[in-house]
Amino acid sequence: MVAELTEHLVVTTSPSAGPSLAACTIVAHNYLPMARVLARSFLKWHPEASFSVIVIDHPLEARGLVDEPFTVVPITELDFGDEGFENMATIYDVTEFATSVKPFALQHLLRSAECAFYIDPDIEVYERLDPLVDATMQAGITLTPHCLSPIAHDGAEPGEAAIMAAGVYNLGFIGVARRAGEFLQWWAARLRRWALIDPAQQLFTDQRWIDLAVPIFHPHIVRSTAYNVAYWNLDQRLLTKQQGRYLVDGEPLRFFHFSGYDPATPFWVSKYQQSAPRVLMSEQPALVELCSEYAASLAASRRPTDSHLPYGWHEAFPGVVLCRELRRFFHAELVRADRGEGEVPPSPFLPGGAERFRHWLCTVAPDSVAPATRSAMAIWHGRADLRAATPDVADGRADGLRHWVERGGMVEYPHLALLGWTQPRPASDSSPAGGDGVDLVGYLTAELGVGQAGRLAEQALTAAGVDVATTVTSRTLSRQRSAYDPSGAAGHRTIVAAVNADQLGLLRRDLGAGFFEGRYTIGQWFWETESFPVRFHHAFSWVDEVWAATTHMCDAFTAGAPTGLPVTHMPLPLLAPPV
């Protein structure tokens, strides 16, 4: 029987004739040094095999990697079927995406090899893995469990509950043969949508799915303690070093998983168990030596040419970070589309997708519970604290959400400032210009100079007896904590837009072009350079007059303004202090 396969063979460094073997790992660019250590260690013991590194981001840069101890496979070279990988890159963060790619990577290897291993990048191989090859060829799948003995209920980390939450089997290693094709298709179908880190839904990347796979596909379960040694099982395994060779319970160490080990904090076995570690580095002399050698190997594997690129799928496009809430909202819409309950949302990573994604975020969903864009509702749906603080949203109103956005939401989520949070009003929705007075629009809650200029203008107009109605716009990354309450009903004949020229187009989009139609619009602008940039001259077409607070700015605006457009020197008001 497969379960009775011996795993205590005497192994030499000479490869024996057997099935063709290929191994791989999956990394973003920042993990390339780890991948080099792993690849060299694997190929040292398996020179007859191949080793590939699937690079999940920056595919153009990945193609430029040269002189590596492995075969580089950019993410674009894997076969994800007709849908591609772009939706996965949108719904998943870097950890989720890397783990979701495993079945597709293994299918790629099995096109040319009879046996394929996936190995996490933070692993180093110390002996040949022939017993795993034999077991995989017979059973089709080989897995290593997190632990092989009961875990003490002593308050140390990780406990059994943590192991169950992460999955019984550690997917830092999995072996498959060609007969595992049905399993890989099953696994790939689930990881295309559900490789989430979401313990509340009983999900943890690719690992929890394997708990279901065991009774369905009958893999071989490795019961030797020499494989996948890591912080979660070190208290159950005796690591020693004899005559230059590491042993585990007397058997040669096959591979060690340095999960969470950071050479910058060498006194911690793993960053994942700092509060109540189950194993202390100070009590494990062989472990200290092993980790020190690994740290030295990592340092030697770093290259001056290594890029320091941020994760390639971190932003949908410059300025819009795909935060967890946006990714989960996109995921929910994608799942609904799979069920035939809506349209497939546009991934920003498809050709031409960035603009379609921006438009999708900036519009209100047809079935939205409140009149707020998807970019704002994604945050509301994703945060229980925000839903509790703004119960009016569930009743179809957005006042509470508006208050949160203007008072701090845009600081936490800058995309709300860039994209706006309410759908622009069409011209037909705007009221016609009304009586005398001024509608003042600006960053009236923002802690920045343009915001203060708008607040001063409102106070001066009010002091002069002018009827003023104010509208707050929050398209700025500055903190929105200035004490200010909007007042009055918009609809006067004159608008003072206390917003700089470079942002005026966004303001018009937010309020709708009809808001300005038939009204006299004054732009209160600030630009302290000697010449006003030509790239902003189009903003002159949106105003009837420009106010400049200094003669220096007045001269710059006048030089660029079209003939006949008044540019008025309008100094900032001075408020008399209370006596």
Protein backbone atom coordinates (compact mmCIF):
# COMPACT_ATOMS: atom_id res chain seq x y z
CA MET A 1 0.00 0.00 0.00
CA VAL A 2 1.12 3.57 -0.67
CA ALA A 3 0.82 4.52 2.97
CA GLU A 4 3.39 1.87 3.81
CA LEU A 5 6.03 3.20 1.43
CA THR A 6 9.32 3.50 3.21
CA GLU A 7 10.65 7.03 3.72
CA HIS A 8 13.84 6.10 5.54
CA LEU A 9 15.94 5.09 2.55
CA VAL A 10 19.68 5.55 2.50
CA VAL A 11 20.10 8.22 -0.17
CA THR A 12 23.18 9.22 -2.11
CA THR A 13 23.75 12.33 -4.19
CA SER A 14 23.82 10.33 -7.41
CA PRO A 15 20.52 10.43 -9.25
CA SER A 16 18.97 7.08 -10.01
CA ALA A 17 17.05 6.27 -13.14
CA GLY A 18 13.42 7.13 -12.61
CA PRO A 19 10.57 9.33 -13.74
CA SER A 20 11.37 12.78 -15.07
CA LEU A 21 11.10 15.36 -12.30
CA ALA A 22 10.35 19.09 -12.41
CA ALA A 23 9.92 21.45 -9.48
CA CYS A 24 8.85 25.05 -9.14
CA THR A 25 8.11 27.85 -6.78
CA ILE A 26 5.97 30.97 -7.15
CA VAL A 27 7.13 34.48 -6.23
CA ALA A 28 6.63 38.17 -6.72
CA HIS A 29 9.82 40.03 -7.56
CA ASN A 30 10.70 40.75 -3.93
CA TYR A 31 11.11 37.02 -3.19
CA LEU A 32 13.72 36.33 -5.89
CA PRO A 33 16.63 35.93 -3.41
CA MET A 34 14.67 33.19 -1.59
CA ALA A 35 13.89 31.51 -4.91
CA ARG A 36 17.61 31.39 -5.75
CA VAL A 37 18.48 29.70 -2.46
CA LEU A 38 15.72 27.14 -2.97
CA ALA A 39 16.58 26.46 -6.60
CA ARG A 40 20.27 25.94 -5.91
CA SER A 41 19.57 23.62 -3.00
CA PHE A 42 17.07 21.56 -4.99
CA LEU A 43 19.29 21.26 -8.06
CA LYS A 44 22.31 20.38 -5.91
CA TRP A 45 20.50 17.20 -4.88
CA HIS A 46 18.56 16.70 -8.14
CA PRO A 47 20.85 17.76 -10.99
CA GLU A 48 18.83 15.66 -13.41
CA ALA A 49 15.66 17.64 -12.70
CA SER A 50 14.47 21.10 -13.79
CA PHE A 51 13.50 23.98 -11.55
CA SER A 52 11.22 26.84 -12.59
CA VAL A 53 10.24 30.05 -10.84
CA ILE A 54 6.83 31.44 -11.73
CA VAL A 55 7.03 35.23 -11.33
CA ILE A 56 3.51 36.52 -10.73
CA ASP A 57 4.03 40.24 -11.34
CA HIS A 58 5.77 42.59 -13.77
CA PRO A 59 5.92 40.06 -16.63
CA LEU A 60 8.06 42.31 -18.84
CA GLU A 61 10.67 42.67 -16.11
CA ALA A 62 10.48 38.92 -15.45
CA ARG A 63 11.43 38.26 -19.06
CA GLY A 64 14.53 40.35 -18.50
CA LEU A 65 15.88 38.16 -15.67
CA VAL A 66 19.12 36.54 -16.85
CA ASP A 67 21.82 34.26 -15.41
CA GLU A 68 19.42 32.77 -12.89
CA PRO A 69 19.83 29.27 -11.39
CA PHE A 70 16.33 28.45 -12.59
CA THR A 71 13.98 28.75 -15.55
CA VAL A 72 11.97 31.97 -15.39
CA VAL A 73 8.26 31.56 -16.17
CA PRO A 74 6.39 34.90 -16.30
CA ILE A 75 2.76 34.69 -15.19
CA THR A 76 1.67 35.32 -18.78
CA GLU A 77 3.13 31.95 -19.87
CA LEU A 78 0.81 29.85 -17.71
CA ASP A 79 -2.45 28.62 -19.18
CA PHE A 80 -5.38 30.01 -17.20
CA GLY A 81 -7.96 29.19 -19.84
CA ASP A 82 -10.12 31.68 -21.70
CA GLU A 83 -10.61 33.94 -18.66
CA GLY A 84 -6.91 34.46 -18.08
CA PHE A 85 -5.37 35.46 -14.76
CA GLU A 86 -6.40 39.13 -14.66
CA ASN A 87 -9.54 38.64 -12.56
CA MET A 88 -7.50 36.64 -10.05
CA ALA A 89 -4.90 39.42 -9.86
CA THR A 90 -7.75 41.83 -9.12
CA ILE A 91 -9.56 39.89 -6.39
CA TYR A 92 -6.46 38.58 -4.59
CA ASP A 93 -3.67 40.24 -2.65
CA VAL A 94 -0.12 39.05 -3.26
CA THR A 95 -0.30 36.06 -0.87
CA GLU A 96 -3.68 34.93 -2.13
CA PHE A 97 -2.68 35.30 -5.76
CA ALA A 98 0.60 33.44 -5.37
CA THR A 99 -1.13 30.50 -3.71
CA SER A 100 -3.99 30.47 -6.23
CA VAL A 101 -1.53 29.93 -9.08
CA LYS A 102 -0.21 26.55 -7.78
CA PRO A 103 -2.45 24.14 -9.72
CA PHE A 104 -1.89 26.08 -12.94
CA ALA A 105 1.87 26.01 -12.37
CA LEU A 106 1.85 22.25 -11.72
CA GLN A 107 -0.21 21.63 -14.85
CA HIS A 108 2.43 23.61 -16.73
CA LEU A 109 5.24 21.39 -15.39
CA LEU A 110 3.43 18.14 -16.09
CA ARG A 111 3.34 18.89 -19.80
CA SER A 112 7.01 17.90 -19.94
CA ALA A 113 7.63 15.98 -16.69
CA GLU A 114 6.13 12.84 -15.19
CA CYS A 115 6.38 14.11 -11.61
CA ALA A 116 6.12 17.73 -10.44
CA PHE A 117 6.77 19.37 -7.08
CA TYR A 118 5.65 22.75 -5.85
CA ILE A 119 7.94 24.05 -3.06
CA ASP A 120 7.53 27.33 -1.17
CA PRO A 121 10.30 29.87 -1.81
CA ASP A 122 11.25 30.06 1.89
CA ILE A 123 12.37 26.40 1.91
CA GLU A 124 15.85 24.92 1.56
CA VAL A 125 16.46 21.33 0.51
CA TYR A 126 19.11 19.31 2.38
CA GLU A 127 18.85 15.80 0.85
CA ARG A 128 17.42 14.04 -2.18
CA LEU A 129 13.65 13.68 -2.21
CA ASP A 130 13.44 10.32 -3.98
CA PRO A 131 10.95 8.86 -1.45
CA LEU A 132 8.57 11.70 -2.32
CA VAL A 133 8.98 11.00 -6.04
CA ASP A 134 8.20 7.30 -5.50
CA ALA A 135 5.16 8.05 -3.35
CA THR A 136 3.87 10.63 -5.80
CA MET A 137 4.19 8.35 -8.77
CA GLN A 138 2.20 5.63 -6.97
CA ALA A 139 -0.50 7.76 -5.33
CA GLY A 140 -0.62 10.66 -7.79
CA ILE A 141 -0.48 13.27 -5.00
CA THR A 142 1.80 13.69 -1.97
CA LEU A 143 1.11 15.96 1.00
CA THR A 144 2.89 16.91 4.22
CA PRO A 145 0.72 17.56 7.30
CA HIS A 146 1.52 20.40 9.66
CA CYS A 147 2.00 18.04 12.57
CA LEU A 148 2.26 14.31 13.20
CA SER A 149 1.61 14.29 16.97
CA PRO A 150 -0.98 15.92 19.26
CA ILE A 151 -0.24 19.56 20.08
CA ALA A 152 -0.08 20.46 23.77
CA HIS A 153 -2.80 22.79 25.07
CA ASP A 154 -0.32 25.03 26.84
CA GLY A 155 -1.15 28.45 25.39
CA ALA A 156 1.83 28.46 23.06
CA GLU A 157 1.52 29.27 19.37
CA PRO A 158 0.42 27.78 17.11
CA GLY A 159 -2.28 25.73 18.76
CA GLU A 160 -4.54 23.13 17.24
CA ALA A 161 -7.23 25.69 16.47
CA ALA A 162 -4.74 27.73 14.45
CA ILE A 163 -3.63 24.64 12.54
CA MET A 164 -7.24 23.73 11.75
CA ALA A 165 -7.95 27.30 10.63
CA ALA A 166 -4.96 27.24 8.26
CA GLY A 167 -5.53 23.68 7.05
CA VAL A 168 -4.34 20.28 8.21
CA TYR A 169 -1.76 20.06 5.42
CA ASN A 170 0.96 22.57 4.72
CA LEU A 171 1.00 23.47 1.05
CA GLY A 172 4.57 24.68 1.21
CA PHE A 173 5.04 21.35 -0.54
CA ILE A 174 2.86 19.28 -2.81
CA GLY A 175 3.86 16.59 -5.27
CA VAL A 176 1.73 15.52 -8.22
CA ALA A 177 2.03 13.05 -11.07
CA ARG A 178 0.18 13.07 -14.36
CA ARG A 179 -2.51 10.82 -12.94
CA ALA A 180 -3.48 13.76 -10.68
CA GLY A 181 -5.00 15.65 -13.61
CA GLU A 182 -8.55 15.44 -12.28
CA PHE A 183 -7.40 16.73 -8.88
CA LEU A 184 -5.55 19.67 -10.44
CA GLN A 185 -8.63 20.65 -12.46
CA TRP A 186 -10.78 20.46 -9.31
CA TRP A 187 -8.26 22.52 -7.30
CA ALA A 188 -7.78 25.11 -10.05
CA ALA A 189 -11.53 25.66 -10.40
CA ARG A 190 -11.81 26.47 -6.70
CA LEU A 191 -8.70 28.62 -6.47
CA ARG A 192 -9.80 30.73 -9.43
CA ARG A 193 -12.29 32.40 -7.07
CA TRP A 194 -11.82 31.11 -3.53
CA ALA A 195 -8.15 31.28 -2.51
CA LEU A 196 -9.12 33.96 -0.01
CA ILE A 197 -7.71 34.56 3.44
CA ASP A 198 -11.08 34.67 5.17
CA PRO A 199 -11.24 32.56 8.34
CA ALA A 200 -14.86 33.61 8.92
CA GLN A 201 -15.76 31.72 5.74
CA GLN A 202 -13.47 28.80 6.65
CA LEU A 203 -11.06 29.81 3.88
CA PHE A 204 -7.30 30.12 4.00
CA THR A 205 -5.66 30.48 0.57
CA ASP A 206 -5.17 27.14 -1.18
CA GLN A 207 -4.70 25.08 1.97
CA ARG A 208 -8.19 24.60 3.35
CA TRP A 209 -9.34 23.11 0.04
CA ILE A 210 -6.85 20.28 0.46
CA ASP A 211 -8.64 19.13 3.60
CA LEU A 212 -11.58 18.34 1.30
CA ALA A 213 -9.34 16.82 -1.36
CA VAL A 214 -7.87 14.10 0.88
CA PRO A 215 -10.95 11.82 1.09
CA ILE A 216 -11.84 12.53 -2.55
CA PHE A 217 -8.47 11.96 -4.26
CA HIS A 218 -6.63 9.71 -1.73
CA PRO A 219 -3.16 11.31 -1.67
CA HIS A 220 -0.10 9.88 0.03
CA ILE A 221 0.42 11.50 3.44
CA VAL A 222 4.07 11.88 4.44
CA ARG A 223 4.63 10.62 7.97
CA SER A 224 8.37 11.08 8.20
CA THR A 225 9.42 13.94 10.49
CA ALA A 226 12.32 14.84 8.17
CA TYR A 227 10.14 16.77 5.70
CA ASN A 228 8.69 20.26 5.99
CA VAL A 229 10.22 20.98 9.38
CA ALA A 230 9.07 24.40 10.56
CA TYR A 231 8.14 26.49 13.56
CA TRP A 232 4.75 24.78 13.87
CA ASN A 233 6.24 21.32 14.48
CA LEU A 234 9.76 21.91 15.82
CA ASP A 235 8.65 21.20 19.38
CA GLN A 236 7.74 17.68 18.23
CA ARG A 237 10.95 17.01 16.27
CA LEU A 238 14.52 16.81 17.49
CA LEU A 239 16.83 18.79 15.20
CA THR A 240 20.54 18.00 15.64
CA LYS A 241 23.75 18.29 13.66
CA GLN A 242 26.28 15.49 13.43
CA GLN A 243 29.40 15.48 11.29
CA GLY A 244 28.17 18.44 9.26
CA ARG A 245 24.78 16.89 8.53
CA TYR A 246 21.44 18.00 9.96
CA LEU A 247 19.25 15.24 11.37
CA VAL A 248 15.64 15.14 12.50
CA ASP A 249 14.84 12.40 14.97
CA GLY A 250 17.96 10.66 13.72
CA GLU A 251 17.00 10.80 10.02
CA PRO A 252 18.68 13.19 7.56
CA LEU A 253 16.76 16.46 7.28
CA ARG A 254 15.17 16.54 3.82
CA PHE A 255 13.87 20.12 3.72
CA PHE A 256 13.35 22.92 6.22
CA HIS A 257 10.60 25.52 5.89
CA PHE A 258 11.83 28.93 7.11
CA SER A 259 8.29 30.32 7.25
CA GLY A 260 8.30 33.72 8.96
CA TYR A 261 12.05 33.70 9.62
CA ASP A 262 13.64 37.12 9.10
CA PRO A 263 17.44 37.52 9.25
CA ALA A 264 16.85 41.07 10.52
CA THR A 265 15.38 39.59 13.73
CA PRO A 266 17.44 36.40 14.09
CA PHE A 267 16.28 35.79 17.66
CA TRP A 268 12.77 34.88 16.45
CA VAL A 269 12.14 31.48 14.91
CA SER A 270 9.18 33.01 13.07
CA LYS A 271 7.38 36.34 13.01
CA TYR A 272 4.11 34.42 13.18
CA GLN A 273 4.56 33.30 16.80
CA GLN A 274 6.19 36.16 18.69
CA SER A 275 3.77 36.51 21.60
CA ALA A 276 3.85 32.91 22.84
CA PRO A 277 6.40 30.95 20.81
CA ARG A 278 6.26 27.19 21.01
CA VAL A 279 9.97 27.00 20.22
CA LEU A 280 12.71 29.38 21.38
CA MET A 281 15.75 29.95 19.22
CA SER A 282 17.91 30.14 22.34
CA GLU A 283 17.00 26.56 23.25
CA GLN A 284 17.84 25.12 19.82
CA PRO A 285 21.59 25.30 19.04
CA ALA A 286 21.26 23.33 15.80
CA LEU A 287 18.40 25.61 14.74
CA VAL A 288 20.52 28.69 15.42
CA GLU A 289 23.23 27.33 13.15
CA LEU A 290 20.73 26.29 10.46
CA CYS A 291 19.08 29.72 10.42
CA SER A 292 22.41 31.54 10.41
CA GLU A 293 23.53 29.56 7.38
CA TYR A 294 20.23 30.28 5.64
CA ALA A 295 20.56 34.00 6.38
CA ALA A 296 24.04 33.97 4.86
CA SER A 297 22.73 32.17 1.77
CA LEU A 298 19.98 34.75 1.37
CA ALA A 299 22.47 37.61 1.64
CA ALA A 300 24.72 35.99 -0.96
CA SER A 301 21.74 35.51 -3.29
CA ARG A 302 20.83 39.18 -3.43
CA ARG A 303 22.03 41.02 -6.50
CA PRO A 304 22.63 44.71 -7.10
CA THR A 305 20.47 44.35 -10.21
CA ASP A 306 17.49 43.05 -8.23
CA SER A 307 14.60 45.41 -8.78
CA HIS A 308 12.81 47.03 -5.90
CA LEU A 309 9.54 47.20 -7.74
CA PRO A 310 6.37 47.34 -5.67
CA TYR A 311 3.99 44.45 -6.12
CA GLY A 312 2.81 44.64 -9.71
CA TRP A 313 -0.92 44.26 -9.04
CA HIS A 314 -1.01 46.54 -5.98
CA GLU A 315 -2.64 49.41 -7.89
CA ALA A 316 -5.44 49.28 -10.43
CA PHE A 317 -3.80 52.31 -12.01
CA PRO A 318 -1.60 55.05 -10.53
CA GLY A 319 -3.26 56.52 -7.45
CA VAL A 320 -5.86 53.79 -6.92
CA VAL A 321 -4.60 51.10 -4.55
CA LEU A 322 -6.57 47.87 -4.64
CA CYS A 323 -7.27 47.76 -0.93
CA ARG A 324 -8.89 44.71 0.62
CA GLU A 325 -12.36 46.28 0.45
CA LEU A 326 -12.11 47.02 -3.28
CA ARG A 327 -10.79 43.54 -3.99
CA ARG A 328 -13.58 41.89 -2.00
CA PHE A 329 -16.24 44.06 -3.66
CA PHE A 330 -14.89 43.09 -7.09
CA HIS A 331 -14.87 39.44 -5.99
CA ALA A 332 -18.51 39.60 -4.89
CA GLU A 333 -19.54 41.11 -8.22
CA LEU A 334 -17.53 38.50 -10.11
CA VAL A 335 -19.18 35.65 -8.20
CA ARG A 336 -22.60 37.15 -8.89
CA ALA A 337 -21.76 37.28 -12.58
CA ASP A 338 -20.68 33.63 -12.46
CA ARG A 339 -24.15 32.83 -11.15
CA GLY A 340 -25.84 34.80 -13.90
CA GLU A 341 -26.96 37.55 -11.53
CA GLY A 342 -25.10 40.49 -13.06
CA GLU A 343 -22.48 41.71 -15.48
CA VAL A 344 -18.83 40.65 -15.25
CA PRO A 345 -16.94 43.57 -13.67
CA PRO A 346 -14.00 44.91 -15.71
CA SER A 347 -10.53 43.98 -14.48
CA PRO A 348 -8.13 46.93 -14.68
CA PHE A 349 -5.39 44.57 -15.85
CA LEU A 350 -7.00 43.58 -19.12
CA PRO A 351 -6.08 45.58 -22.25
CA GLY A 352 -8.00 48.84 -22.00
CA GLY A 353 -9.35 47.73 -18.64
CA ALA A 354 -8.05 50.62 -16.53
CA GLU A 355 -10.50 53.14 -17.97
CA ARG A 356 -13.41 50.69 -17.83
CA PHE A 357 -12.53 49.87 -14.23
CA ARG A 358 -12.37 53.57 -13.34
CA HIS A 359 -15.79 54.16 -14.86
CA TRP A 360 -17.16 51.11 -13.05
CA LEU A 361 -15.87 52.43 -9.72
CA CYS A 362 -17.24 55.91 -10.39
CA THR A 363 -20.80 54.83 -11.08
CA VAL A 364 -23.60 53.72 -8.81
CA ALA A 365 -24.52 50.04 -9.12
CA PRO A 366 -28.12 49.53 -10.33
CA ASP A 367 -29.00 47.63 -7.16
CA SER A 368 -26.97 49.76 -4.74
CA VAL A 369 -28.70 50.32 -1.41
CA ALA A 370 -27.63 53.99 -1.41
CA PRO A 371 -26.78 56.67 -4.00
CA ALA A 372 -23.03 56.26 -3.67
CA THR A 373 -20.50 54.98 -6.17
CA ARG A 374 -19.03 51.51 -6.09
CA SER A 375 -15.73 53.00 -4.89
CA ALA A 376 -17.48 54.17 -1.70
CA MET A 377 -19.91 51.30 -1.30
CA ALA A 378 -17.02 48.84 -1.47
CA ILE A 379 -15.64 50.38 1.71
CA TRP A 380 -19.06 50.42 3.37
CA HIS A 381 -19.70 46.76 2.56
CA GLY A 382 -16.22 45.76 3.67
CA ARG A 383 -16.18 47.41 7.11
CA ALA A 384 -18.56 46.35 9.85
CA ASP A 385 -17.60 49.39 11.95
CA LEU A 386 -18.56 51.76 9.13
CA ARG A 387 -21.86 49.98 8.56
CA ALA A 388 -22.65 50.28 12.26
CA ALA A 389 -21.74 53.98 12.27
CA THR A 390 -23.80 54.79 9.16
CA PRO A 391 -27.05 52.82 9.44
CA ASP A 392 -28.83 55.33 7.19
CA VAL A 393 -27.02 53.84 4.18
CA ALA A 394 -29.01 50.63 4.52
CA ASP A 395 -32.16 52.78 4.36
CA GLY A 396 -31.13 54.33 1.05
CA ARG A 397 -29.55 57.54 2.34
CA ALA A 398 -25.92 58.59 2.15
CA ASP A 399 -25.66 61.47 4.65
CA GLY A 400 -23.74 59.42 7.18
CA LEU A 401 -21.41 58.07 4.53
CA ARG A 402 -20.81 61.59 3.21
CA HIS A 403 -19.91 62.77 6.70
CA TRP A 404 -17.45 59.90 7.16
CA VAL A 405 -15.84 60.46 3.75
CA GLU A 406 -15.39 64.18 4.36
CA ARG A 407 -14.17 63.85 7.93
CA GLY A 408 -11.52 61.21 7.39
CA GLY A 409 -12.53 58.52 4.92
CA MET A 410 -10.44 60.02 2.15
CA VAL A 411 -7.37 59.98 4.37
CA GLU A 412 -7.79 56.25 4.96
CA TYR A 413 -8.79 55.57 1.36
CA PRO A 414 -7.19 58.12 -0.99
CA HIS A 415 -9.03 56.68 -3.98
CA LEU A 416 -12.17 58.36 -2.64
CA ALA A 417 -10.47 61.71 -3.18
CA LEU A 418 -9.23 60.73 -6.63
CA LEU A 419 -12.41 59.09 -7.91
CA GLY A 420 -15.10 60.82 -5.91
CA TRP A 421 -17.74 59.00 -3.94
CA THR A 422 -21.05 60.23 -5.42
CA GLN A 423 -22.08 59.80 -9.02
CA PRO A 424 -21.95 63.06 -11.02
CA ARG A 425 -25.36 64.64 -11.43
CA PRO A 426 -26.57 65.01 -15.00
CA ALA A 427 -27.32 68.50 -16.26
CA SER A 428 -31.06 67.84 -16.19
CA ASP A 429 -30.90 67.31 -12.43
CA SER A 430 -29.42 70.72 -11.72
CA SER A 431 -31.60 73.56 -10.59
CA PRO A 432 -31.57 76.74 -12.71
CA ALA A 433 -29.64 79.67 -11.40
CA GLY A 434 -31.55 81.51 -8.74
CA GLY A 435 -31.27 84.89 -7.08
CA ASP A 436 -28.50 87.15 -5.88
CA GLY A 437 -25.84 85.67 -3.70
CA VAL A 438 -22.97 83.23 -4.06
CA ASP A 439 -22.61 79.46 -4.14
CA LEU A 440 -19.15 78.80 -2.71
CA VAL A 441 -17.63 75.40 -3.52
CA GLY A 442 -14.30 74.25 -2.10
CA TYR A 443 -12.20 72.05 0.18
CA LEU A 444 -13.96 73.57 3.14
CA THR A 445 -13.18 70.77 5.60
CA ALA A 446 -9.59 70.18 4.42
CA GLU A 447 -6.55 71.21 6.41
CA LEU A 448 -4.67 72.94 3.59
CA GLY A 449 -4.20 76.46 2.27
CA VAL A 450 -6.76 76.29 -0.53
CA GLY A 451 -9.32 75.07 1.98
CA GLN A 452 -8.57 77.91 4.37
CA ALA A 453 -8.80 80.41 1.50
CA GLY A 454 -12.29 79.13 0.72
CA ARG A 455 -13.33 79.38 4.38
CA LEU A 456 -12.01 82.96 4.54
CA ALA A 457 -13.91 83.88 1.37
CA GLU A 458 -17.14 82.51 2.84
CA GLN A 459 -16.66 84.49 6.06
CA ALA A 460 -15.86 87.71 4.19
CA LEU A 461 -18.87 87.39 1.88
CA THR A 462 -21.14 86.68 4.83
CA ALA A 463 -19.72 89.65 6.75
CA ALA A 464 -20.48 91.84 3.71
CA GLY A 465 -24.11 90.76 3.80
CA VAL A 466 -23.95 88.45 0.79
CA ASP A 467 -26.21 85.39 0.88
CA VAL A 468 -23.83 82.42 0.72
CA ALA A 469 -24.51 78.71 0.23
CA THR A 470 -21.57 76.33 0.57
CA THR A 471 -20.80 72.96 -0.96
CA VAL A 472 -17.91 70.82 0.29
CA THR A 473 -15.73 68.88 -2.12
CA SER A 474 -13.22 66.44 -0.70
CA ARG A 475 -10.99 65.62 -3.66
CA THR A 476 -7.76 66.11 -1.78
CA LEU A 477 -5.47 63.81 0.16
CA SER A 478 -5.22 66.33 2.98
CA ARG A 479 -6.81 65.53 6.32
CA GLN A 480 -10.50 66.45 6.44
CA ARG A 481 -10.79 67.58 10.05
CA SER A 482 -11.28 71.32 9.87
CA ALA A 483 -14.42 72.22 11.81
CA TYR A 484 -16.90 73.38 9.19
CA ASP A 485 -20.60 72.88 8.53
CA PRO A 486 -21.96 73.48 5.01
CA SER A 487 -24.80 75.99 4.95
CA GLY A 488 -27.50 77.35 2.68
CA ALA A 489 -29.22 76.04 -0.41
CA ALA A 490 -27.26 76.15 -3.66
CA GLY A 491 -28.78 77.91 -6.63
CA HIS A 492 -27.43 81.50 -6.72
CA ARG A 493 -26.43 83.25 -9.90
CA THR A 494 -22.74 83.36 -8.97
CA ILE A 495 -20.36 80.53 -8.10
CA VAL A 496 -17.00 80.96 -6.38
CA ALA A 497 -15.00 77.77 -6.94
CA ALA A 498 -12.24 77.73 -4.31
CA VAL A 499 -10.52 74.91 -6.17
CA ASN A 500 -7.31 75.17 -8.16
CA ALA A 501 -7.32 75.00 -11.94
CA ASP A 502 -5.79 71.52 -12.09
CA GLN A 503 -8.73 70.10 -10.08
CA LEU A 504 -11.54 72.11 -11.63
CA GLY A 505 -12.36 69.42 -14.20
CA LEU A 506 -12.84 66.83 -11.45
CA LEU A 507 -15.09 69.24 -9.57
CA ARG A 508 -17.24 69.72 -12.65
CA ARG A 509 -17.49 65.98 -13.08
CA ASP A 510 -18.50 65.49 -9.46
CA LEU A 511 -21.15 68.21 -9.44
CA GLY A 512 -22.24 67.77 -13.03
CA ALA A 513 -21.78 70.29 -15.82
CA GLY A 514 -25.36 71.47 -15.29
CA PHE A 515 -24.43 72.82 -11.87
CA PHE A 516 -22.39 75.55 -13.62
CA GLU A 517 -24.63 76.11 -16.65
CA GLY A 518 -25.96 79.66 -17.02
CA ARG A 519 -24.10 80.92 -13.93
CA TYR A 520 -21.19 83.30 -13.46
CA THR A 521 -18.27 81.20 -12.21
CA ILE A 522 -15.26 82.67 -10.44
CA GLY A 523 -12.18 80.53 -9.88
CA GLN A 524 -10.24 81.30 -6.70
CA TRP A 525 -6.88 79.92 -7.83
CA PHE A 526 -3.40 79.63 -6.36
CA TRP A 527 -0.28 78.96 -8.40
CA GLU A 528 2.95 80.45 -7.10
CA THR A 529 5.22 79.91 -10.13
CA GLU A 530 6.18 82.75 -12.48
CA SER A 531 4.21 81.23 -15.35
CA PHE A 532 0.93 79.35 -15.23
CA PRO A 533 1.49 75.88 -16.83
CA VAL A 534 0.10 75.58 -20.35
CA ARG A 535 -1.29 72.13 -19.55
CA PHE A 536 -3.88 73.80 -17.26
CA HIS A 537 -4.94 76.59 -19.65
CA HIS A 538 -8.05 74.61 -20.60
CA ALA A 539 -9.45 75.50 -17.16
CA PHE A 540 -9.93 79.11 -18.30
CA SER A 541 -12.81 77.87 -20.47
CA TRP A 542 -14.72 76.80 -17.35
CA VAL A 543 -14.66 80.16 -15.54
CA ASP A 544 -15.87 83.69 -16.22
CA GLU A 545 -13.33 85.32 -13.91
CA VAL A 546 -10.24 84.38 -11.89
CA TRP A 547 -9.38 85.68 -8.41
CA ALA A 548 -5.68 85.78 -7.50
CA ALA A 549 -4.58 86.43 -3.93
CA THR A 550 -1.27 88.10 -4.86
CA THR A 551 -0.07 90.35 -7.66
CA HIS A 552 2.56 87.72 -8.49
CA MET A 553 -0.13 85.12 -9.22
CA CYS A 554 -2.32 87.74 -10.88
CA ASP A 555 0.42 88.46 -13.42
CA ALA A 556 0.95 84.74 -14.13
CA PHE A 557 -2.78 84.08 -14.68
CA THR A 558 -3.20 87.23 -16.79
CA ALA A 559 -0.36 86.18 -19.11
CA GLY A 560 -2.08 82.87 -19.83
CA ALA A 561 -5.72 83.94 -19.80
CA PRO A 562 -7.65 84.38 -23.05
CA THR A 563 -8.34 87.95 -24.15
CA GLY A 564 -11.29 89.41 -22.29
CA LEU A 565 -11.26 87.05 -19.32
CA PRO A 566 -10.89 89.18 -16.16
CA VAL A 567 -8.20 88.23 -13.69
CA THR A 568 -8.80 90.12 -10.46
CA HIS A 569 -6.32 90.73 -7.67
CA MET A 570 -8.43 89.61 -4.69
CA PRO A 571 -6.29 89.50 -1.52
CA LEU A 572 -7.24 87.04 1.17
CA PRO A 573 -9.53 88.58 3.80
CA LEU A 574 -8.13 89.38 7.24
CA LEU A 575 -10.29 88.44 10.17
CA ALA A 576 -10.25 90.85 13.08
CA PRO A 577 -9.45 88.96 16.26
CA PRO A 578 -12.03 89.14 19.03
CA VAL A 579 -11.38 91.91 21.53
